[in-house]
PDB file of N, CA and C in Angstrom:
ATOM      1  N   ASP A   1     117.434 122.823 150.357  1.00  0.00           N
ATOM      2  CA  ASP A   1     117.044 122.705 148.968  1.00  0.00           C
ATOM      3  C   ASP A   1     117.984 121.752 148.244  1.00  0.00           C
ATOM      4  N   TYR A   2     117.461 121.155 147.236  1.00  0.00           N
ATOM      5  CA  TYR A   2     118.231 120.194 146.472  1.00  0.00           C
ATOM      6  C   TYR A   2     118.684 120.779 145.148  1.00  0.00           C
ATOM      7  N   ASN A   3     119.919 120.549 144.802  1.00  0.00           N
ATOM      8  CA  ASN A   3     120.414 120.944 143.498  1.00  0.00           C
ATOM      9  C   ASN A   3     119.884 119.937 142.482  1.00  0.00           C
ATOM     10  N   PRO A   4     119.369 120.380 141.328  1.00  0.00           N
ATOM     11  CA  PRO A   4     118.775 119.446 140.365  1.00  0.00           C
ATOM     12  C   PRO A   4     119.757 118.399 139.844  1.00  0.00           C
ATOM     13  N   HIS A   5     121.049 118.662 139.970  1.00  0.00           N
ATOM     14  CA  HIS A   5     122.043 117.678 139.540  1.00  0.00           C
ATOM     15  C   HIS A   5     122.150 116.518 140.522  1.00  0.00           C
ATOM     16  N   TRP A   6     121.524 116.669 141.681  1.00  0.00           N
ATOM     17  CA  TRP A   6     121.494 115.587 142.666  1.00  0.00           C
ATOM     18  C   TRP A   6     120.068 115.095 142.905  1.00  0.00           C
ATOM     19  N   VAL A   7     119.173 115.389 141.975  1.00  0.00           N
ATOM     20  CA  VAL A   7     117.789 114.910 142.049  1.00  0.00           C
ATOM     21  C   VAL A   7     117.625 113.836 140.985  1.00  0.00           C
ATOM     22  N   PHE A   8     116.902 112.787 141.324  1.00  0.00           N
ATOM     23  CA  PHE A   8     116.767 111.647 140.423  1.00  0.00           C
ATOM     24  C   PHE A   8     115.306 111.358 140.105  1.00  0.00           C
ATOM     25  N   GLU A   9     115.092 110.774 138.931  1.00  0.00           N
ATOM     26  CA  GLU A   9     113.779 110.314 138.493  1.00  0.00           C
ATOM     27  C   GLU A   9     113.906 108.831 138.165  1.00  0.00           C
ATOM     28  N   SER A  10     112.800 108.099 138.248  1.00  0.00           N
ATOM     29  CA  SER A  10     112.874 106.696 137.851  1.00  0.00           C
ATOM     30  C   SER A  10     112.624 106.578 136.356  1.00  0.00           C
ATOM     31  N   ASP A  11     113.300 105.621 135.735  1.00  0.00           N
ATOM     32  CA  ASP A  11     113.108 105.397 134.306  1.00  0.00           C
ATOM     33  C   ASP A  11     112.127 104.240 134.104  1.00  0.00           C
ATOM     34  N   ALA A  12     111.964 103.801 132.861  1.00  0.00           N
ATOM     35  CA  ALA A  12     111.010 102.745 132.531  1.00  0.00           C
ATOM     36  C   ALA A  12     111.342 101.424 133.220  1.00  0.00           C
ATOM     37  N   LYS A  13     112.605 101.226 133.591  1.00  0.00           N
ATOM     38  CA  LYS A  13     113.028  99.980 134.256  1.00  0.00           C
ATOM     39  C   LYS A  13     113.085 100.131 135.773  1.00  0.00           C
ATOM     40  N   ASP A  14     112.526 101.225 136.287  1.00  0.00           N
ATOM     41  CA  ASP A  14     112.567 101.540 137.715  1.00  0.00           C
ATOM     42  C   ASP A  14     113.985 101.703 138.250  1.00  0.00           C
ATOM     43  N   HIS A  15     114.871 102.189 137.399  1.00  0.00           N
ATOM     44  CA  HIS A  15     116.207 102.595 137.822  1.00  0.00           C
ATOM     45  C   HIS A  15     116.210 104.113 137.927  1.00  0.00           C
ATOM     46  N   LEU A  16     117.125 104.642 138.694  1.00  0.00           N
ATOM     47  CA  LEU A  16     117.203 106.082 138.843  1.00  0.00           C
ATOM     48  C   LEU A  16     118.111 106.698 137.793  1.00  0.00           C
ATOM     49  N   LYS A  17     117.693 107.860 137.289  1.00  0.00           N
ATOM     50  CA  LYS A  17     118.515 108.647 136.371  1.00  0.00           C
ATOM     51  C   LYS A  17     118.523 110.076 136.885  1.00  0.00           C
ATOM     52  N   ILE A  18     119.545 110.829 136.553  1.00  0.00           N
ATOM     53  CA  ILE A  18     119.663 112.210 137.007  1.00  0.00           C
ATOM     54  C   ILE A  18     118.561 113.035 136.338  1.00  0.00           C
ATOM     55  N   ALA A  19     117.841 113.800 137.117  1.00  0.00           N
ATOM     56  CA  ALA A  19     116.688 114.556 136.620  1.00  0.00           C
ATOM     57  C   ALA A  19     117.062 115.566 135.540  1.00  0.00           C
ATOM     58  N   THR A  20     118.298 116.043 135.533  1.00  0.00           N
ATOM     59  CA  THR A  20     118.725 117.022 134.528  1.00  0.00           C
ATOM     60  C   THR A  20     118.995 116.383 133.173  1.00  0.00           C
ATOM     61  N   GLY A  21     119.082 115.052 133.127  1.00  0.00           N
ATOM     62  CA  GLY A  21     119.415 114.364 131.887  1.00  0.00           C
ATOM     63  C   GLY A  21     120.908 114.125 131.734  1.00  0.00           C
ATOM     64  N   ASP A  22     121.700 114.638 132.671  1.00  0.00           N
ATOM     65  CA  ASP A  22     123.144 114.408 132.622  1.00  0.00           C
ATOM     66  C   ASP A  22     123.437 112.912 132.729  1.00  0.00           C
ATOM     67  N   GLU A  23     124.540 112.502 132.141  1.00  0.00           N
ATOM     68  CA  GLU A  23     124.935 111.085 132.194  1.00  0.00           C
ATOM     69  C   GLU A  23     125.714 110.759 133.468  1.00  0.00           C
ATOM     70  N   LYS A  24     126.514 111.723 133.936  1.00  0.00           N
ATOM     71  CA  LYS A  24     127.363 111.480 135.106  1.00  0.00           C
ATOM     72  C   LYS A  24     126.967 112.400 136.247  1.00  0.00           C
ATOM     73  N   ILE A  25     127.069 111.884 137.454  1.00  0.00           N
ATOM     74  CA  ILE A  25     126.785 112.656 138.663  1.00  0.00           C
ATOM     75  C   ILE A  25     127.977 113.555 138.964  1.00  0.00           C
ATOM     76  N   ILE A  26     127.693 114.784 139.339  1.00  0.00           N
ATOM     77  CA  ILE A  26     128.748 115.689 139.827  1.00  0.00           C
ATOM     78  C   ILE A  26     128.978 115.277 141.281  1.00  0.00           C
ATOM     79  N   PRO A  27     130.126 114.676 141.589  1.00  0.00           N
ATOM     80  CA  PRO A  27     130.301 114.092 142.916  1.00  0.00           C
ATOM     81  C   PRO A  27     130.505 115.093 144.057  1.00  0.00           C
ATOM     82  N   ARG A  28     131.121 116.237 143.772  1.00  0.00           N
ATOM     83  CA  ARG A  28     131.430 117.165 144.850  1.00  0.00           C
ATOM     84  C   ARG A  28     130.449 118.335 144.867  1.00  0.00           C
ATOM     85  N   ARG A  29     129.903 118.622 146.027  1.00  0.00           N
ATOM     86  CA  ARG A  29     128.976 119.741 146.192  1.00  0.00           C
ATOM     87  C   ARG A  29     129.586 121.049 145.709  1.00  0.00           C
ATOM     88  N   GLN A  30     130.880 121.223 145.932  1.00  0.00           N
ATOM     89  CA  GLN A  30     131.564 122.456 145.552  1.00  0.00           C
ATOM     90  C   GLN A  30     131.591 122.660 144.035  1.00  0.00           C
ATOM     91  N   ASP A  31     131.422 121.605 143.271  1.00  0.00           N
ATOM     92  CA  ASP A  31     131.454 121.694 141.813  1.00  0.00           C
ATOM     93  C   ASP A  31     130.072 121.862 141.186  1.00  0.00           C
ATOM     94  N   LEU A  32     129.028 121.826 142.002  1.00  0.00           N
ATOM     95  CA  LEU A  32     127.675 121.979 141.475  1.00  0.00           C
ATOM     96  C   LEU A  32     127.441 123.413 141.007  1.00  0.00           C
ATOM     97  N   PRO A  33     126.726 123.600 139.900  1.00  0.00           N
ATOM     98  CA  PRO A  33     126.383 124.964 139.491  1.00  0.00           C
ATOM     99  C   PRO A  33     125.343 125.543 140.443  1.00  0.00           C
ATOM    100  N   LYS A  34     125.317 126.847 140.571  1.00  0.00           N
ATOM    101  CA  LYS A  34     124.324 127.499 141.412  1.00  0.00           C
ATOM    102  C   LYS A  34     122.937 127.215 140.833  1.00  0.00           C
ATOM    103  N   ALA A  35     122.015 126.855 141.678  1.00  0.00           N
ATOM    104  CA  ALA A  35     120.670 126.509 141.217  1.00  0.00           C
ATOM    105  C   ALA A  35     119.639 127.293 142.019  1.00  0.00           C
ATOM    106  N   PHE A  36     118.501 127.522 141.429  1.00  0.00           N
ATOM    107  CA  PHE A  36     117.418 128.269 142.060  1.00  0.00           C
ATOM    108  C   PHE A  36     116.154 127.437 141.991  1.00  0.00           C
ATOM    109  N   HIS A  37     115.248 127.666 142.919  1.00  0.00           N
ATOM    110  CA  HIS A  37     113.940 127.017 142.842  1.00  0.00           C
ATOM    111  C   HIS A  37     112.856 128.084 142.913  1.00  0.00           C
ATOM    112  N   ARG A  38     111.753 127.782 142.335  1.00  0.00           N
ATOM    113  CA  ARG A  38     110.613 128.697 142.297  1.00  0.00           C
ATOM    114  C   ARG A  38     109.882 128.590 143.640  1.00  0.00           C
ATOM    115  N   ASP A  39     109.734 129.722 144.328  1.00  0.00           N
ATOM    116  CA  ASP A  39     109.025 129.692 145.599  1.00  0.00           C
ATOM    117  C   ASP A  39     107.619 130.268 145.494  1.00  0.00           C
ATOM    118  N   GLY A  40     107.287 130.850 144.353  1.00  0.00           N
ATOM    119  CA  GLY A  40     105.925 131.328 144.137  1.00  0.00           C
ATOM    120  C   GLY A  40     105.596 132.634 144.826  1.00  0.00           C
ATOM    121  N   ALA A  41     106.593 133.321 145.375  1.00  0.00           N
ATOM    122  CA  ALA A  41     106.330 134.549 146.115  1.00  0.00           C
ATOM    123  C   ALA A  41     105.884 135.686 145.198  1.00  0.00           C
ATOM    124  N   VAL A  42     106.538 135.834 144.056  1.00  0.00           N
ATOM    125  CA  VAL A  42     106.252 136.956 143.167  1.00  0.00           C
ATOM    126  C   VAL A  42     106.291 136.476 141.720  1.00  0.00           C
ATOM    127  N   TYR A  43     105.268 136.866 140.967  1.00  0.00           N
ATOM    128  CA  TYR A  43     105.276 136.635 139.515  1.00  0.00           C
ATOM    129  C   TYR A  43     104.959 137.955 138.853  1.00  0.00           C
ATOM    130  N   ILE A  44     105.782 138.356 137.927  1.00  0.00           N
ATOM    131  CA  ILE A  44     105.510 139.554 137.137  1.00  0.00           C
ATOM    132  C   ILE A  44     105.591 139.120 135.680  1.00  0.00           C
ATOM    133  N   THR A  45     104.493 139.272 134.990  1.00  0.00           N
ATOM    134  CA  THR A  45     104.456 138.862 133.592  1.00  0.00           C
ATOM    135  C   THR A  45     103.478 139.723 132.823  1.00  0.00           C
ATOM    136  N   LYS A  46     103.597 139.730 131.531  1.00  0.00           N
ATOM    137  CA  LYS A  46     102.684 140.489 130.688  1.00  0.00           C
ATOM    138  C   LYS A  46     101.385 139.699 130.516  1.00  0.00           C
ATOM    139  N   THR A  47     100.273 140.406 130.485  1.00  0.00           N
ATOM    140  CA  THR A  47      98.984 139.736 130.288  1.00  0.00           C
ATOM    141  C   THR A  47      98.970 138.977 128.963  1.00  0.00           C
ATOM    142  N   GLU A  48      99.704 139.482 127.988  1.00  0.00           N
ATOM    143  CA  GLU A  48      99.798 138.822 126.680  1.00  0.00           C
ATOM    144  C   GLU A  48     100.383 137.415 126.806  1.00  0.00           C
ATOM    145  N   VAL A  49     101.373 137.240 127.668  1.00  0.00           N
ATOM    146  CA  VAL A  49     101.985 135.923 127.864  1.00  0.00           C
ATOM    147  C   VAL A  49     100.953 134.965 128.447  1.00  0.00           C
ATOM    148  N   ILE A  50     100.171 135.443 129.397  1.00  0.00           N
ATOM    149  CA  ILE A  50      99.158 134.596 130.014  1.00  0.00           C
ATOM    150  C   ILE A  50      98.059 134.254 129.014  1.00  0.00           C
ATOM    151  N   SER A  51      97.544 135.257 128.310  1.00  0.00           N
ATOM    152  CA  SER A  51      96.410 135.021 127.423  1.00  0.00           C
ATOM    153  C   SER A  51      96.788 134.269 126.149  1.00  0.00           C
ATOM    154  N   LYS A  52      97.916 134.567 125.562  1.00  0.00           N
ATOM    155  CA  LYS A  52      98.293 133.919 124.300  1.00  0.00           C
ATOM    156  C   LYS A  52      99.016 132.591 124.482  1.00  0.00           C
ATOM    157  N   HIS A  53      99.772 132.468 125.564  1.00  0.00           N
ATOM    158  CA  HIS A  53     100.593 131.267 125.751  1.00  0.00           C
ATOM    159  C   HIS A  53     100.131 130.416 126.934  1.00  0.00           C
ATOM    160  N   ASN A  54      99.079 130.882 127.629  1.00  0.00           N
ATOM    161  CA  ASN A  54      98.553 130.155 128.784  1.00  0.00           C
ATOM    162  C   ASN A  54      99.680 129.789 129.756  1.00  0.00           C
ATOM    163  N   SER A  55     100.524 130.760 130.048  1.00  0.00           N
ATOM    164  CA  SER A  55     101.698 130.522 130.880  1.00  0.00           C
ATOM    165  C   SER A  55     102.044 131.786 131.657  1.00  0.00           C
ATOM    166  N   LEU A  56     102.719 131.608 132.782  1.00  0.00           N
ATOM    167  CA  LEU A  56     103.238 132.750 133.536  1.00  0.00           C
ATOM    168  C   LEU A  56     104.632 133.135 133.060  1.00  0.00           C
ATOM    169  N   TYR A  57     105.233 132.300 132.220  1.00  0.00           N
ATOM    170  CA  TYR A  57     106.626 132.485 131.830  1.00  0.00           C
ATOM    171  C   TYR A  57     106.724 132.911 130.375  1.00  0.00           C
ATOM    172  N   GLY A  58     107.506 133.929 130.123  1.00  0.00           N
ATOM    173  CA  GLY A  58     107.759 134.388 128.765  1.00  0.00           C
ATOM    174  C   GLY A  58     109.011 133.721 128.221  1.00  0.00           C
ATOM    175  N   ASN A  59     109.715 134.426 127.355  1.00  0.00           N
ATOM    176  CA  ASN A  59     110.930 133.878 126.745  1.00  0.00           C
ATOM    177  C   ASN A  59     112.143 133.968 127.655  1.00  0.00           C
ATOM    178  N   SER A  60     112.063 134.782 128.686  1.00  0.00           N
ATOM    179  CA  SER A  60     113.173 134.874 129.633  1.00  0.00           C
ATOM    180  C   SER A  60     112.591 134.978 131.038  1.00  0.00           C
ATOM    181  N   ILE A  61     113.329 134.451 131.991  1.00  0.00           N
ATOM    182  CA  ILE A  61     112.882 134.440 133.384  1.00  0.00           C
ATOM    183  C   ILE A  61     113.941 135.131 134.228  1.00  0.00           C
ATOM    184  N   GLY A  62     113.548 136.175 134.934  1.00  0.00           N
ATOM    185  CA  GLY A  62     114.439 136.848 135.875  1.00  0.00           C
ATOM    186  C   GLY A  62     114.196 136.293 137.267  1.00  0.00           C
ATOM    187  N   TYR A  63     114.907 136.809 138.224  1.00  0.00           N
ATOM    188  CA  TYR A  63     114.721 136.315 139.585  1.00  0.00           C
ATOM    189  C   TYR A  63     115.062 137.373 140.616  1.00  0.00           C
ATOM    190  N   ILE A  64     114.536 137.159 141.793  1.00  0.00           N
ATOM    191  CA  ILE A  64     114.855 137.943 142.979  1.00  0.00           C
ATOM    192  C   ILE A  64     115.193 136.931 144.062  1.00  0.00           C
ATOM    193  N   GLU A  65     116.355 137.067 144.657  1.00  0.00           N
ATOM    194  CA  GLU A  65     116.716 136.143 145.727  1.00  0.00           C
ATOM    195  C   GLU A  65     116.032 136.579 147.016  1.00  0.00           C
ATOM    196  N   SER A  66     115.320 135.647 147.631  1.00  0.00           N
ATOM    197  CA  SER A  66     114.615 135.917 148.883  1.00  0.00           C
ATOM    198  C   SER A  66     115.587 135.841 150.050  1.00  0.00           C
ATOM    199  N   ASN A  67     115.380 136.701 151.016  1.00  0.00           N
ATOM    200  CA  ASN A  67     116.150 136.651 152.251  1.00  0.00           C
ATOM    201  C   ASN A  67     115.404 135.701 153.187  1.00  0.00           C
ATOM    202  N   ASN A  68     115.967 134.533 153.448  1.00  0.00           N
ATOM    203  CA  ASN A  68     115.288 133.520 154.260  1.00  0.00           C
ATOM    204  C   ASN A  68     114.944 134.005 155.657  1.00  0.00           C
ATOM    205  N   GLU A  69     115.649 135.016 156.139  1.00  0.00           N
ATOM    206  CA  GLU A  69     115.367 135.531 157.478  1.00  0.00           C
ATOM    207  C   GLU A  69     113.991 136.188 157.527  1.00  0.00           C
ATOM    208  N   TYR A  70     113.568 136.778 156.418  1.00  0.00           N
ATOM    209  CA  TYR A  70     112.303 137.509 156.391  1.00  0.00           C
ATOM    210  C   TYR A  70     111.248 136.879 155.486  1.00  0.00           C
ATOM    211  N   TYR A  71     111.583 135.801 154.822  1.00  0.00           N
ATOM    212  CA  TYR A  71     110.653 135.186 153.888  1.00  0.00           C
ATOM    213  C   TYR A  71     109.795 134.146 154.589  1.00  0.00           C
ATOM    214  N   VAL A  72     108.517 134.207 154.347  1.00  0.00           N
ATOM    215  CA  VAL A  72     107.609 133.185 154.870  1.00  0.00           C
ATOM    216  C   VAL A  72     106.585 132.835 153.798  1.00  0.00           C
ATOM    217  N   ASN A  73     106.147 131.620 153.844  1.00  0.00           N
ATOM    218  CA  ASN A  73     105.103 131.144 152.963  1.00  0.00           C
ATOM    219  C   ASN A  73     103.985 130.639 153.871  1.00  0.00           C
ATOM    220  N   ILE A  74     102.843 131.253 153.824  1.00  0.00           N
ATOM    221  CA  ILE A  74     101.758 130.913 154.749  1.00  0.00           C
ATOM    222  C   ILE A  74     100.820 129.911 154.089  1.00  0.00           C
ATOM    223  N   ASP A  75     100.906 128.677 154.559  1.00  0.00           N
ATOM    224  CA  ASP A  75     100.022 127.611 154.090  1.00  0.00           C
ATOM    225  C   ASP A  75      99.235 126.977 155.235  1.00  0.00           C
ATOM    226  N   THR A  76      99.729 127.138 156.455  1.00  0.00           N
ATOM    227  CA  THR A  76      99.100 126.493 157.612  1.00  0.00           C
ATOM    228  C   THR A  76      98.974 127.505 158.757  1.00  0.00           C
ATOM    229  N   MET A  77      98.211 127.123 159.775  1.00  0.00           N
ATOM    230  CA  MET A  77      98.093 127.983 160.960  1.00  0.00           C
ATOM    231  C   MET A  77      99.444 128.105 161.673  1.00  0.00           C
ATOM    232  N   GLU A  78     100.252 127.062 161.632  1.00  0.00           N
ATOM    233  CA  GLU A  78     101.586 127.136 162.234  1.00  0.00           C
ATOM    234  C   GLU A  78     102.437 128.182 161.507  1.00  0.00           C
ATOM    235  N   ASP A  79     102.316 128.225 160.168  1.00  0.00           N
ATOM    236  CA  ASP A  79     103.017 129.249 159.389  1.00  0.00           C
ATOM    237  C   ASP A  79     102.564 130.637 159.836  1.00  0.00           C
ATOM    238  N   TRP A  80     101.256 130.811 160.038  1.00  0.00           N
ATOM    239  CA  TRP A  80     100.697 132.098 160.460  1.00  0.00           C
ATOM    240  C   TRP A  80     101.297 132.513 161.808  1.00  0.00           C
ATOM    241  N   LYS A  81     101.369 131.574 162.736  1.00  0.00           N
ATOM    242  CA  LYS A  81     101.932 131.873 164.054  1.00  0.00           C
ATOM    243  C   LYS A  81     103.405 132.260 163.941  1.00  0.00           C
ATOM    244  N   ASN A  82     104.127 131.585 163.058  1.00  0.00           N
ATOM    245  CA  ASN A  82     105.537 131.928 162.850  1.00  0.00           C
ATOM    246  C   ASN A  82     105.683 133.344 162.301  1.00  0.00           C
ATOM    247  N   VAL A  83     104.773 133.740 161.420  1.00  0.00           N
ATOM    248  CA  VAL A  83     104.800 135.096 160.875  1.00  0.00           C
ATOM    249  C   VAL A  83     104.526 136.116 161.976  1.00  0.00           C
ATOM    250  N   GLU A  84     103.568 135.820 162.816  1.00  0.00           N
ATOM    251  CA  GLU A  84     103.284 136.737 163.930  1.00  0.00           C
ATOM    252  C   GLU A  84     104.523 136.914 164.792  1.00  0.00           C
ATOM    253  N   GLY A  85     105.243 135.828 165.067  1.00  0.00           N
ATOM    254  CA  GLY A  85     106.482 135.912 165.850  1.00  0.00           C
ATOM    255  C   GLY A  85     107.541 136.725 165.128  1.00  0.00           C
ATOM    256  N   LEU A  86     107.633 136.565 163.819  1.00  0.00           N
ATOM    257  CA  LEU A  86     108.593 137.326 163.034  1.00  0.00           C
ATOM    258  C   LEU A  86     108.270 138.811 163.066  1.00  0.00           C
ATOM    259  N   ILE A  87     107.006 139.159 162.947  1.00  0.00           N
ATOM    260  CA  ILE A  87     106.596 140.569 162.995  1.00  0.00           C
ATOM    261  C   ILE A  87     106.922 141.166 164.353  1.00  0.00           C
ATOM    262  N   GLU A  88     106.620 140.441 165.407  1.00  0.00           N
ATOM    263  CA  GLU A  88     106.953 140.918 166.754  1.00  0.00           C
ATOM    264  C   GLU A  88     108.462 141.146 166.883  1.00  0.00           C
ATOM    265  N   LYS A  89     109.252 140.231 166.374  1.00  0.00           N
ATOM    266  CA  LYS A  89     110.712 140.348 166.422  1.00  0.00           C
ATOM    267  C   LYS A  89     111.184 141.584 165.651  1.00  0.00           C
ATOM    268  N   MET A  90     110.586 141.830 164.504  1.00  0.00           N
ATOM    269  CA  MET A  90     110.990 142.960 163.679  1.00  0.00           C
ATOM    270  C   MET A  90     110.590 144.295 164.315  1.00  0.00           C
ATOM    271  N   GLN A  91     109.515 144.306 165.086  1.00  0.00           N
ATOM    272  CA  GLN A  91     109.056 145.536 165.703  1.00  0.00           C
ATOM    273  C   GLN A  91     109.907 145.939 166.903  1.00  0.00           C
ATOM    274  N   LYS A  92     110.678 145.015 167.445  1.00  0.00           N
ATOM    275  CA  LYS A  92     111.510 145.315 168.622  1.00  0.00           C
ATOM    276  C   LYS A  92     112.771 146.020 168.261  1.00  0.00           C
TER     277      LYS A  92
END
């Protein structure tokens, strides 16, 4: 995964700028703030937020850290086969 402080976007002149809007790059990985990405595994929100704001996100966003050992995202048949292997491994 990429930390957003090391992700770039192109500007109007086709030059790269830091996606966070920061002016300077944080050069050392050890100095980067902890960052999270949305994996789409779980969304819990009030129906009011969806109906009134047309959004899954309210005024605050919580999180659950996924355990990569047991987390899978099934988008392809290869993903499905990997899940079957994981289930077999867990049953042993």
